[in-house]
Amino acid sequence: MNFNEYQALSQRTSRKELTLSEHVMNGMLGLAGECGECCDLVKKNFYQDGRQIRDDIKDELGDVLWYISEAASGFGLTLEEIAQHNIEKLKKRYPDGFEAQRSLYRQEEQHV
């Protein structure tokens, strides 16, 4: 499955009656909540019970992906174009791979 196939399938479970701005709001608020759940799992793993969280985090990251798809759809963007744009940005930022120095002292980037 590729990103656009995922997005089309995930949108089957999105509420059709929402306006585009409501899809954006649902996506962004849901994303914040699901990211919090991911952080909570990691916190519990490190500071409480040390249990394995791989299966739980897979569920939560899947929810994060669903909400990213929801927000992207509200903006009229595809996950494929977002992924491609991100890779292009990273190639410009770190042409030879990650360098701590470049991450600390980045030049201002212009948004395309």
PDB file of N, CA and C in Angstrom:
ATOM      1  N   MET A   1       0.840  -1.175   0.000  1.00  0.00           N
ATOM      2  CA  MET A   1       0.000   0.000   0.000  1.00  0.00           C
ATOM      3  C   MET A   1       0.889   1.244   0.000  1.00  0.00           C
ATOM      4  N   ASN A   2       0.515   2.238  -0.776  1.00  0.00           N
ATOM      5  CA  ASN A   2       1.264   3.494  -0.746  1.00  0.00           C
ATOM      6  C   ASN A   2       0.472   4.546   0.040  1.00  0.00           C
ATOM      7  N   PHE A   3       1.059   5.719   0.207  1.00  0.00           N
ATOM      8  CA  PHE A   3       0.430   6.763   1.016  1.00  0.00           C
ATOM      9  C   PHE A   3      -0.952   7.156   0.492  1.00  0.00           C
ATOM     10  N   ASN A   4      -1.070   7.325  -0.807  1.00  0.00           N
ATOM     11  CA  ASN A   4      -2.352   7.766  -1.352  1.00  0.00           C
ATOM     12  C   ASN A   4      -3.422   6.692  -1.228  1.00  0.00           C
ATOM     13  N   GLU A   5      -3.038   5.436  -1.352  1.00  0.00           N
ATOM     14  CA  GLU A   5      -4.000   4.357  -1.135  1.00  0.00           C
ATOM     15  C   GLU A   5      -4.467   4.366   0.321  1.00  0.00           C
ATOM     16  N   TYR A   6      -3.524   4.530   1.237  1.00  0.00           N
ATOM     17  CA  TYR A   6      -3.890   4.612   2.653  1.00  0.00           C
ATOM     18  C   TYR A   6      -4.856   5.769   2.883  1.00  0.00           C
ATOM     19  N   GLN A   7      -4.540   6.925   2.323  1.00  0.00           N
ATOM     20  CA  GLN A   7      -5.376   8.099   2.541  1.00  0.00           C
ATOM     21  C   GLN A   7      -6.797   7.861   2.031  1.00  0.00           C
ATOM     22  N   ALA A   8      -6.917   7.288   0.848  1.00  0.00           N
ATOM     23  CA  ALA A   8      -8.249   7.003   0.305  1.00  0.00           C
ATOM     24  C   ALA A   8      -9.008   6.024   1.195  1.00  0.00           C
ATOM     25  N   LEU A   9      -8.334   4.990   1.654  1.00  0.00           N
ATOM     26  CA  LEU A   9      -8.994   4.010   2.523  1.00  0.00           C
ATOM     27  C   LEU A   9      -9.339   4.604   3.885  1.00  0.00           C
ATOM     28  N   SER A  10      -8.441   5.408   4.426  1.00  0.00           N
ATOM     29  CA  SER A  10      -8.707   5.989   5.747  1.00  0.00           C
ATOM     30  C   SER A  10      -9.855   6.989   5.685  1.00  0.00           C
ATOM     31  N   GLN A  11      -9.980   7.683   4.584  1.00  0.00           N
ATOM     32  CA  GLN A  11     -11.054   8.665   4.465  1.00  0.00           C
ATOM     33  C   GLN A  11     -12.436   8.020   4.389  1.00  0.00           C
ATOM     34  N   ARG A  12     -12.489   6.728   4.152  1.00  0.00           N
ATOM     35  CA  ARG A  12     -13.766   6.019   4.187  1.00  0.00           C
ATOM     36  C   ARG A  12     -14.362   6.046   5.590  1.00  0.00           C
ATOM     37  N   THR A  13     -13.512   6.241   6.607  1.00  0.00           N
ATOM     38  CA  THR A  13     -14.002   6.264   7.986  1.00  0.00           C
ATOM     39  C   THR A  13     -14.073   7.684   8.548  1.00  0.00           C
ATOM     40  N   SER A  14     -13.953   8.669   7.679  1.00  0.00           N
ATOM     41  CA  SER A  14     -14.091  10.060   8.095  1.00  0.00           C
ATOM     42  C   SER A  14     -15.538  10.497   7.880  1.00  0.00           C
ATOM     43  N   ARG A  15     -16.002  11.377   8.704  1.00  0.00           N
ATOM     44  CA  ARG A  15     -17.392  11.847   8.593  1.00  0.00           C
ATOM     45  C   ARG A  15     -17.562  12.688   7.331  1.00  0.00           C
ATOM     46  N   LYS A  16     -18.421  12.261   6.463  1.00  0.00           N
ATOM     47  CA  LYS A  16     -18.607  12.914   5.159  1.00  0.00           C
ATOM     48  C   LYS A  16     -19.251  14.290   5.272  1.00  0.00           C
ATOM     49  N   GLU A  17     -20.046  14.509   6.327  1.00  0.00           N
ATOM     50  CA  GLU A  17     -20.784  15.772   6.416  1.00  0.00           C
ATOM     51  C   GLU A  17     -19.937  16.942   6.907  1.00  0.00           C
ATOM     52  N   LEU A  18     -18.693  16.693   7.291  1.00  0.00           N
ATOM     53  CA  LEU A  18     -17.826  17.769   7.773  1.00  0.00           C
ATOM     54  C   LEU A  18     -17.383  18.669   6.625  1.00  0.00           C
ATOM     55  N   THR A  19     -17.239  19.947   6.926  1.00  0.00           N
ATOM     56  CA  THR A  19     -16.653  20.860   5.957  1.00  0.00           C
ATOM     57  C   THR A  19     -15.146  20.622   5.922  1.00  0.00           C
ATOM     58  N   LEU A  20     -14.492  21.184   4.919  1.00  0.00           N
ATOM     59  CA  LEU A  20     -13.031  21.021   4.851  1.00  0.00           C
ATOM     60  C   LEU A  20     -12.357  21.569   6.101  1.00  0.00           C
ATOM     61  N   SER A  21     -12.805  22.714   6.594  1.00  0.00           N
ATOM     62  CA  SER A  21     -12.178  23.272   7.798  1.00  0.00           C
ATOM     63  C   SER A  21     -12.450  22.393   9.016  1.00  0.00           C
ATOM     64  N   GLU A  22     -13.593  21.723   9.055  1.00  0.00           N
ATOM     65  CA  GLU A  22     -13.863  20.811  10.161  1.00  0.00           C
ATOM     66  C   GLU A  22     -12.994  19.552  10.070  1.00  0.00           C
ATOM     67  N   HIS A  23     -12.676  19.112   8.860  1.00  0.00           N
ATOM     68  CA  HIS A  23     -11.740  17.994   8.709  1.00  0.00           C
ATOM     69  C   HIS A  23     -10.364  18.400   9.234  1.00  0.00           C
ATOM     70  N   VAL A  24      -9.959  19.630   8.927  1.00  0.00           N
ATOM     71  CA  VAL A  24      -8.674  20.132   9.428  1.00  0.00           C
ATOM     72  C   VAL A  24      -8.688  20.163  10.953  1.00  0.00           C
ATOM     73  N   MET A  25      -9.739  20.728  11.538  1.00  0.00           N
ATOM     74  CA  MET A  25      -9.831  20.829  12.996  1.00  0.00           C
ATOM     75  C   MET A  25      -9.858  19.448  13.631  1.00  0.00           C
ATOM     76  N   ASN A  26     -10.651  18.535  13.083  1.00  0.00           N
ATOM     77  CA  ASN A  26     -10.702  17.171  13.605  1.00  0.00           C
ATOM     78  C   ASN A  26      -9.321  16.524  13.537  1.00  0.00           C
ATOM     79  N   GLY A  27      -8.637  16.712  12.399  1.00  0.00           N
ATOM     80  CA  GLY A  27      -7.307  16.139  12.229  1.00  0.00           C
ATOM     81  C   GLY A  27      -6.299  16.691  13.216  1.00  0.00           C
ATOM     82  N   MET A  28      -6.271  18.001  13.366  1.00  0.00           N
ATOM     83  CA  MET A  28      -5.283  18.625  14.246  1.00  0.00           C
ATOM     84  C   MET A  28      -5.533  18.307  15.722  1.00  0.00           C
ATOM     85  N   LEU A  29      -6.779  18.383  16.134  1.00  0.00           N
ATOM     86  CA  LEU A  29      -7.072  18.078  17.540  1.00  0.00           C
ATOM     87  C   LEU A  29      -6.864  16.600  17.842  1.00  0.00           C
ATOM     88  N   GLY A  30      -7.259  15.749  16.906  1.00  0.00           N
ATOM     89  CA  GLY A  30      -7.037  14.315  17.086  1.00  0.00           C
ATOM     90  C   GLY A  30      -5.561  13.978  17.116  1.00  0.00           C
ATOM     91  N   LEU A  31      -4.795  14.647  16.262  1.00  0.00           N
ATOM     92  CA  LEU A  31      -3.347  14.437  16.218  1.00  0.00           C
ATOM     93  C   LEU A  31      -2.707  14.789  17.561  1.00  0.00           C
ATOM     94  N   ALA A  32      -3.122  15.898  18.130  1.00  0.00           N
ATOM     95  CA  ALA A  32      -2.580  16.303  19.434  1.00  0.00           C
ATOM     96  C   ALA A  32      -2.896  15.250  20.498  1.00  0.00           C
ATOM     97  N   GLY A  33      -4.122  14.760  20.500  1.00  0.00           N
ATOM     98  CA  GLY A  33      -4.508  13.751  21.484  1.00  0.00           C
ATOM     99  C   GLY A  33      -3.748  12.449  21.314  1.00  0.00           C
ATOM    100  N   GLU A  34      -3.630  11.984  20.076  1.00  0.00           N
ATOM    101  CA  GLU A  34      -2.942  10.717  19.821  1.00  0.00           C
ATOM    102  C   GLU A  34      -1.445  10.825  20.094  1.00  0.00           C
ATOM    103  N   CYS A  35      -0.843  11.964  19.790  1.00  0.00           N
ATOM    104  CA  CYS A  35       0.578  12.154  20.114  1.00  0.00           C
ATOM    105  C   CYS A  35       0.780  12.102  21.619  1.00  0.00           C
ATOM    106  N   GLY A  36      -0.174  12.667  22.361  1.00  0.00           N
ATOM    107  CA  GLY A  36      -0.117  12.585  23.818  1.00  0.00           C
ATOM    108  C   GLY A  36      -0.184  11.144  24.299  1.00  0.00           C
ATOM    109  N   GLU A  37      -1.018  10.327  23.655  1.00  0.00           N
ATOM    110  CA  GLU A  37      -1.110   8.924  24.035  1.00  0.00           C
ATOM    111  C   GLU A  37       0.204   8.189  23.751  1.00  0.00           C
ATOM    112  N   CYS A  38       0.854   8.528  22.640  1.00  0.00           N
ATOM    113  CA  CYS A  38       2.162   7.927  22.332  1.00  0.00           C
ATOM    114  C   CYS A  38       3.183   8.308  23.407  1.00  0.00           C
ATOM    115  N   CYS A  39       3.195   9.579  23.761  1.00  0.00           N
ATOM    116  CA  CYS A  39       4.124  10.040  24.794  1.00  0.00           C
ATOM    117  C   CYS A  39       3.849   9.347  26.123  1.00  0.00           C
ATOM    118  N   ASP A  40       2.586   9.154  26.451  1.00  0.00           N
ATOM    119  CA  ASP A  40       2.231   8.494  27.701  1.00  0.00           C
ATOM    120  C   ASP A  40       2.725   7.048  27.737  1.00  0.00           C
ATOM    121  N   LEU A  41       2.608   6.349  26.606  1.00  0.00           N
ATOM    122  CA  LEU A  41       3.117   4.974  26.540  1.00  0.00           C
ATOM    123  C   LEU A  41       4.621   4.931  26.776  1.00  0.00           C
ATOM    124  N   VAL A  42       5.348   5.844  26.147  1.00  0.00           N
ATOM    125  CA  VAL A  42       6.807   5.881  26.308  1.00  0.00           C
ATOM    126  C   VAL A  42       7.158   6.226  27.754  1.00  0.00           C
ATOM    127  N   LYS A  43       6.455   7.189  28.323  1.00  0.00           N
ATOM    128  CA  LYS A  43       6.695   7.562  29.726  1.00  0.00           C
ATOM    129  C   LYS A  43       6.497   6.375  30.656  1.00  0.00           C
ATOM    130  N   LYS A  44       5.380   5.673  30.480  1.00  0.00           N
ATOM    131  CA  LYS A  44       5.107   4.519  31.333  1.00  0.00           C
ATOM    132  C   LYS A  44       6.174   3.443  31.159  1.00  0.00           C
ATOM    133  N   ASN A  45       6.643   3.267  29.922  1.00  0.00           N
ATOM    134  CA  ASN A  45       7.680   2.282  29.661  1.00  0.00           C
ATOM    135  C   ASN A  45       8.964   2.642  30.400  1.00  0.00           C
ATOM    136  N   PHE A  46       9.356   3.897  30.364  1.00  0.00           N
ATOM    137  CA  PHE A  46      10.624   4.306  30.967  1.00  0.00           C
ATOM    138  C   PHE A  46      10.547   4.494  32.471  1.00  0.00           C
ATOM    139  N   TYR A  47       9.436   5.030  32.954  1.00  0.00           N
ATOM    140  CA  TYR A  47       9.408   5.462  34.350  1.00  0.00           C
ATOM    141  C   TYR A  47       8.486   4.652  35.254  1.00  0.00           C
ATOM    142  N   GLN A  48       7.722   3.729  34.690  1.00  0.00           N
ATOM    143  CA  GLN A  48       6.810   2.986  35.551  1.00  0.00           C
ATOM    144  C   GLN A  48       7.058   1.491  35.477  1.00  0.00           C
ATOM    145  N   ASP A  49       6.551   0.843  34.477  1.00  0.00           N
ATOM    146  CA  ASP A  49       6.590  -0.614  34.510  1.00  0.00           C
ATOM    147  C   ASP A  49       7.594  -1.263  33.566  1.00  0.00           C
ATOM    148  N   GLY A  50       8.200  -0.526  32.674  1.00  0.00           N
ATOM    149  CA  GLY A  50       9.202  -1.080  31.783  1.00  0.00           C
ATOM    150  C   GLY A  50       8.678  -2.118  30.805  1.00  0.00           C
ATOM    151  N   ARG A  51       7.361  -2.204  30.664  1.00  0.00           N
ATOM    152  CA  ARG A  51       6.794  -3.215  29.766  1.00  0.00           C
ATOM    153  C   ARG A  51       7.075  -2.873  28.311  1.00  0.00           C
ATOM    154  N   GLN A  52       6.998  -3.869  27.487  1.00  0.00           N
ATOM    155  CA  GLN A  52       7.177  -3.681  26.047  1.00  0.00           C
ATOM    156  C   GLN A  52       5.949  -2.976  25.485  1.00  0.00           C
ATOM    157  N   ILE A  53       6.164  -1.969  24.665  1.00  0.00           N
ATOM    158  CA  ILE A  53       5.046  -1.176  24.158  1.00  0.00           C
ATOM    159  C   ILE A  53       4.907  -1.243  22.642  1.00  0.00           C
ATOM    160  N   ARG A  54       5.671  -2.110  22.000  1.00  0.00           N
ATOM    161  CA  ARG A  54       5.684  -2.139  20.542  1.00  0.00           C
ATOM    162  C   ARG A  54       4.288  -2.299  19.935  1.00  0.00           C
ATOM    163  N   ASP A  55       3.495  -3.235  20.426  1.00  0.00           N
ATOM    164  CA  ASP A  55       2.154  -3.433  19.865  1.00  0.00           C
ATOM    165  C   ASP A  55       1.240  -2.253  20.168  1.00  0.00           C
ATOM    166  N   ASP A  56       1.341  -1.714  21.381  1.00  0.00           N
ATOM    167  CA  ASP A  56       0.513  -0.556  21.741  1.00  0.00           C
ATOM    168  C   ASP A  56       0.895   0.670  20.922  1.00  0.00           C
ATOM    169  N   ILE A  57       2.193   0.877  20.735  1.00  0.00           N
ATOM    170  CA  ILE A  57       2.630   2.058  19.993  1.00  0.00           C
ATOM    171  C   ILE A  57       2.238   1.932  18.523  1.00  0.00           C
ATOM    172  N   LYS A  58       2.206   0.701  18.007  1.00  0.00           N
ATOM    173  CA  LYS A  58       1.756   0.492  16.627  1.00  0.00           C
ATOM    174  C   LYS A  58       0.311   0.975  16.470  1.00  0.00           C
ATOM    175  N   ASP A  59      -0.531   0.646  17.444  1.00  0.00           N
ATOM    176  CA  ASP A  59      -1.925   1.120  17.414  1.00  0.00           C
ATOM    177  C   ASP A  59      -1.988   2.643  17.449  1.00  0.00           C
ATOM    178  N   GLU A  60      -1.252   3.236  18.372  1.00  0.00           N
ATOM    179  CA  GLU A  60      -1.316   4.692  18.538  1.00  0.00           C
ATOM    180  C   GLU A  60      -0.719   5.424  17.345  1.00  0.00           C
ATOM    181  N   LEU A  61       0.395   4.936  16.806  1.00  0.00           N
ATOM    182  CA  LEU A  61       0.976   5.574  15.624  1.00  0.00           C
ATOM    183  C   LEU A  61       0.049   5.443  14.422  1.00  0.00           C
ATOM    184  N   GLY A  62      -0.690   4.341  14.356  1.00  0.00           N
ATOM    185  CA  GLY A  62      -1.703   4.209  13.305  1.00  0.00           C
ATOM    186  C   GLY A  62      -2.776   5.268  13.447  1.00  0.00           C
ATOM    187  N   ASP A  63      -3.177   5.556  14.684  1.00  0.00           N
ATOM    188  CA  ASP A  63      -4.154   6.623  14.915  1.00  0.00           C
ATOM    189  C   ASP A  63      -3.581   7.987  14.532  1.00  0.00           C
ATOM    190  N   VAL A  64      -2.298   8.212  14.841  1.00  0.00           N
ATOM    191  CA  VAL A  64      -1.625   9.448  14.436  1.00  0.00           C
ATOM    192  C   VAL A  64      -1.685   9.587  12.915  1.00  0.00           C
ATOM    193  N   LEU A  65      -1.377   8.504  12.212  1.00  0.00           N
ATOM    194  CA  LEU A  65      -1.400   8.530  10.754  1.00  0.00           C
ATOM    195  C   LEU A  65      -2.803   8.839  10.231  1.00  0.00           C
ATOM    196  N   TRP A  66      -3.829   8.276  10.871  1.00  0.00           N
ATOM    197  CA  TRP A  66      -5.204   8.548  10.441  1.00  0.00           C
ATOM    198  C   TRP A  66      -5.507  10.035  10.556  1.00  0.00           C
ATOM    199  N   TYR A  67      -5.127  10.641  11.667  1.00  0.00           N
ATOM    200  CA  TYR A  67      -5.412  12.061  11.863  1.00  0.00           C
ATOM    201  C   TYR A  67      -4.572  12.947  10.941  1.00  0.00           C
ATOM    202  N   ILE A  68      -3.367  12.525  10.613  1.00  0.00           N
ATOM    203  CA  ILE A  68      -2.580  13.263   9.613  1.00  0.00           C
ATOM    204  C   ILE A  68      -3.308  13.216   8.275  1.00  0.00           C
ATOM    205  N   SER A  69      -3.812  12.050   7.919  1.00  0.00           N
ATOM    206  CA  SER A  69      -4.572  11.901   6.680  1.00  0.00           C
ATOM    207  C   SER A  69      -5.810  12.790   6.689  1.00  0.00           C
ATOM    208  N   GLU A  70      -6.489  12.849   7.816  1.00  0.00           N
ATOM    209  CA  GLU A  70      -7.693  13.675   7.956  1.00  0.00           C
ATOM    210  C   GLU A  70      -7.363  15.149   7.744  1.00  0.00           C
ATOM    211  N   ALA A  71      -6.321  15.635   8.414  1.00  0.00           N
ATOM    212  CA  ALA A  71      -5.935  17.044   8.264  1.00  0.00           C
ATOM    213  C   ALA A  71      -5.474  17.340   6.850  1.00  0.00           C
ATOM    214  N   ALA A  72      -4.673  16.452   6.284  1.00  0.00           N
ATOM    215  CA  ALA A  72      -4.187  16.643   4.917  1.00  0.00           C
ATOM    216  C   ALA A  72      -5.360  16.735   3.939  1.00  0.00           C
ATOM    217  N   SER A  73      -6.324  15.851   4.104  1.00  0.00           N
ATOM    218  CA  SER A  73      -7.493  15.869   3.225  1.00  0.00           C
ATOM    219  C   SER A  73      -8.253  17.183   3.358  1.00  0.00           C
ATOM    220  N   GLY A  74      -8.351  17.691   4.567  1.00  0.00           N
ATOM    221  CA  GLY A  74      -9.013  18.977   4.785  1.00  0.00           C
ATOM    222  C   GLY A  74      -8.308  20.122   4.083  1.00  0.00           C
ATOM    223  N   PHE A  75      -6.997  20.026   3.953  1.00  0.00           N
ATOM    224  CA  PHE A  75      -6.220  21.044   3.247  1.00  0.00           C
ATOM    225  C   PHE A  75      -6.120  20.770   1.754  1.00  0.00           C
ATOM    226  N   GLY A  76      -6.695  19.649   1.303  1.00  0.00           N
ATOM    227  CA  GLY A  76      -6.607  19.301  -0.114  1.00  0.00           C
ATOM    228  C   GLY A  76      -5.236  18.794  -0.512  1.00  0.00           C
ATOM    229  N   LEU A  77      -4.520  18.220   0.450  1.00  0.00           N
ATOM    230  CA  LEU A  77      -3.184  17.683   0.203  1.00  0.00           C
ATOM    231  C   LEU A  77      -3.226  16.165   0.230  1.00  0.00           C
ATOM    232  N   THR A  78      -2.324  15.536  -0.507  1.00  0.00           N
ATOM    233  CA  THR A  78      -2.199  14.091  -0.417  1.00  0.00           C
ATOM    234  C   THR A  78      -1.021  13.755   0.494  1.00  0.00           C
ATOM    235  N   LEU A  79      -1.104  12.592   1.111  1.00  0.00           N
ATOM    236  CA  LEU A  79       0.019  12.147   1.946  1.00  0.00           C
ATOM    237  C   LEU A  79       1.278  11.973   1.111  1.00  0.00           C
ATOM    238  N   GLU A  80       1.099  11.550  -0.140  1.00  0.00           N
ATOM    239  CA  GLU A  80       2.250  11.366  -1.039  1.00  0.00           C
ATOM    240  C   GLU A  80       2.986  12.690  -1.248  1.00  0.00           C
ATOM    241  N   GLU A  81       2.232  13.773  -1.530  1.00  0.00           N
ATOM    242  CA  GLU A  81       2.909  15.050  -1.767  1.00  0.00           C
ATOM    243  C   GLU A  81       3.527  15.599  -0.491  1.00  0.00           C
ATOM    244  N   ILE A  82       2.913  15.333   0.662  1.00  0.00           N
ATOM    245  CA  ILE A  82       3.501  15.759   1.927  1.00  0.00           C
ATOM    246  C   ILE A  82       4.802  15.004   2.183  1.00  0.00           C
ATOM    247  N   ALA A  83       4.789  13.699   1.960  1.00  0.00           N
ATOM    248  CA  ALA A  83       5.998  12.892   2.164  1.00  0.00           C
ATOM    249  C   ALA A  83       7.116  13.343   1.227  1.00  0.00           C
ATOM    250  N   GLN A  84       6.783  13.569  -0.037  1.00  0.00           N
ATOM    251  CA  GLN A  84       7.791  13.998  -1.014  1.00  0.00           C
ATOM    252  C   GLN A  84       8.360  15.365  -0.639  1.00  0.00           C
ATOM    253  N   HIS A  85       7.495  16.283  -0.248  1.00  0.00           N
ATOM    254  CA  HIS A  85       7.937  17.617   0.152  1.00  0.00           C
ATOM    255  C   HIS A  85       8.881  17.540   1.353  1.00  0.00           C
ATOM    256  N   ASN A  86       8.544  16.673   2.315  1.00  0.00           N
ATOM    257  CA  ASN A  86       9.375  16.524   3.503  1.00  0.00           C
ATOM    258  C   ASN A  86      10.759  15.991   3.154  1.00  0.00           C
ATOM    259  N   ILE A  87      10.822  15.006   2.269  1.00  0.00           N
ATOM    260  CA  ILE A  87      12.119  14.455   1.859  1.00  0.00           C
ATOM    261  C   ILE A  87      12.952  15.513   1.149  1.00  0.00           C
ATOM    262  N   GLU A  88      12.326  16.299   0.281  1.00  0.00           N
ATOM    263  CA  GLU A  88      13.055  17.375  -0.405  1.00  0.00           C
ATOM    264  C   GLU A  88      13.596  18.388   0.590  1.00  0.00           C
ATOM    265  N   LYS A  89      12.794  18.739   1.594  1.00  0.00           N
ATOM    266  CA  LYS A  89      13.236  19.679   2.623  1.00  0.00           C
ATOM    267  C   LYS A  89      14.417  19.109   3.402  1.00  0.00           C
ATOM    268  N   LEU A  90      14.337  17.825   3.761  1.00  0.00           N
ATOM    269  CA  LEU A  90      15.420  17.197   4.519  1.00  0.00           C
ATOM    270  C   LEU A  90      16.703  17.094   3.704  1.00  0.00           C
ATOM    271  N   LYS A  91      16.579  16.831   2.400  1.00  0.00           N
ATOM    272  CA  LYS A  91      17.765  16.771   1.537  1.00  0.00           C
ATOM    273  C   LYS A  91      18.465  18.119   1.480  1.00  0.00           C
ATOM    274  N   LYS A  92      17.688  19.194   1.444  1.00  0.00           N
ATOM    275  CA  LYS A  92      18.283  20.540   1.436  1.00  0.00           C
ATOM    276  C   LYS A  92      18.924  20.849   2.782  1.00  0.00           C
ATOM    277  N   ARG A  93      18.232  20.468   3.846  1.00  0.00           N
ATOM    278  CA  ARG A  93      18.717  20.776   5.193  1.00  0.00           C
ATOM    279  C   ARG A  93      19.945  19.953   5.556  1.00  0.00           C
ATOM    280  N   TYR A  94      19.932  18.673   5.171  1.00  0.00           N
ATOM    281  CA  TYR A  94      21.019  17.750   5.517  1.00  0.00           C
ATOM    282  C   TYR A  94      21.461  17.009   4.256  1.00  0.00           C
ATOM    283  N   PRO A  95      22.165  17.681   3.349  1.00  0.00           N
ATOM    284  CA  PRO A  95      22.513  17.051   2.072  1.00  0.00           C
ATOM    285  C   PRO A  95      23.389  15.802   2.203  1.00  0.00           C
ATOM    286  N   ASP A  96      24.160  15.718   3.261  1.00  0.00           N
ATOM    287  CA  ASP A  96      25.030  14.556   3.468  1.00  0.00           C
ATOM    288  C   ASP A  96      24.565  13.692   4.633  1.00  0.00           C
ATOM    289  N   GLY A  97      23.296  13.787   4.988  1.00  0.00           N
ATOM    290  CA  GLY A  97      22.776  13.085   6.156  1.00  0.00           C
ATOM    291  C   GLY A  97      22.795  14.002   7.368  1.00  0.00           C
ATOM    292  N   PHE A  98      22.224  13.544   8.463  1.00  0.00           N
ATOM    293  CA  PHE A  98      22.102  14.378   9.657  1.00  0.00           C
ATOM    294  C   PHE A  98      23.463  14.792  10.192  1.00  0.00           C
ATOM    295  N   GLU A  99      23.559  16.067  10.541  1.00  0.00           N
ATOM    296  CA  GLU A  99      24.740  16.616  11.212  1.00  0.00           C
ATOM    297  C   GLU A  99      24.240  17.500  12.348  1.00  0.00           C
ATOM    298  N   ALA A 100      24.690  17.225  13.560  1.00  0.00           N
ATOM    299  CA  ALA A 100      24.232  17.985  14.720  1.00  0.00           C
ATOM    300  C   ALA A 100      24.501  19.473  14.540  1.00  0.00           C
ATOM    301  N   GLN A 101      25.639  19.825  14.016  1.00  0.00           N
ATOM    302  CA  GLN A 101      25.999  21.226  13.819  1.00  0.00           C
ATOM    303  C   GLN A 101      24.976  21.925  12.932  1.00  0.00           C
ATOM    304  N   ARG A 102      24.573  21.258  11.847  1.00  0.00           N
ATOM    305  CA  ARG A 102      23.596  21.853  10.928  1.00  0.00           C
ATOM    306  C   ARG A 102      22.233  21.980  11.597  1.00  0.00           C
ATOM    307  N   SER A 103      21.912  21.070  12.512  1.00  0.00           N
ATOM    308  CA  SER A 103      20.609  21.149  13.178  1.00  0.00           C
ATOM    309  C   SER A 103      20.582  22.289  14.201  1.00  0.00           C
ATOM    310  N   LEU A 104      21.734  22.590  14.776  1.00  0.00           N
ATOM    311  CA  LEU A 104      21.793  23.659  15.764  1.00  0.00           C
ATOM    312  C   LEU A 104      21.842  25.043  15.123  1.00  0.00           C
ATOM    313  N   TYR A 105      22.489  25.143  13.983  1.00  0.00           N
ATOM    314  CA  TYR A 105      22.706  26.433  13.342  1.00  0.00           C
ATOM    315  C   TYR A 105      22.168  26.409  11.915  1.00  0.00           C
ATOM    316  N   ARG A 106      20.856  26.306  11.798  1.00  0.00           N
ATOM    317  CA  ARG A 106      20.226  26.257  10.487  1.00  0.00           C
ATOM    318  C   ARG A 106      20.023  27.666   9.950  1.00  0.00           C
ATOM    319  N   GLN A 107      20.199  27.782   8.652  1.00  0.00           N
ATOM    320  CA  GLN A 107      19.865  29.030   7.990  1.00  0.00           C
ATOM    321  C   GLN A 107      18.359  29.071   7.818  1.00  0.00           C
ATOM    322  N   GLU A 108      17.810  30.283   7.788  1.00  0.00           N
ATOM    323  CA  GLU A 108      16.367  30.425   7.571  1.00  0.00           C
ATOM    324  C   GLU A 108      15.996  29.802   6.233  1.00  0.00           C
ATOM    325  N   GLU A 109      14.945  29.017   6.269  1.00  0.00           N
ATOM    326  CA  GLU A 109      14.459  28.377   5.045  1.00  0.00           C
ATOM    327  C   GLU A 109      13.262  29.144   4.538  1.00  0.00           C
ATOM    328  N   GLN A 110      13.172  29.247   3.227  1.00  0.00           N
ATOM    329  CA  GLN A 110      12.004  29.879   2.637  1.00  0.00           C
ATOM    330  C   GLN A 110      11.000  28.790   2.300  1.00  0.00           C
ATOM    331  N   HIS A 111       9.746  29.059   2.617  1.00  0.00           N
ATOM    332  CA  HIS A 111       8.695  28.096   2.321  1.00  0.00           C
ATOM    333  C   HIS A 111       8.305  28.226   0.855  1.00  0.00           C
ATOM    334  N   VAL A 112       8.156  27.077   0.226  1.00  0.00           N
ATOM    335  CA  VAL A 112       7.828  27.049  -1.192  1.00  0.00           C
ATOM    336  C   VAL A 112       6.332  27.020  -1.363  1.00  0.00           C
TER     337      VAL A 112
END
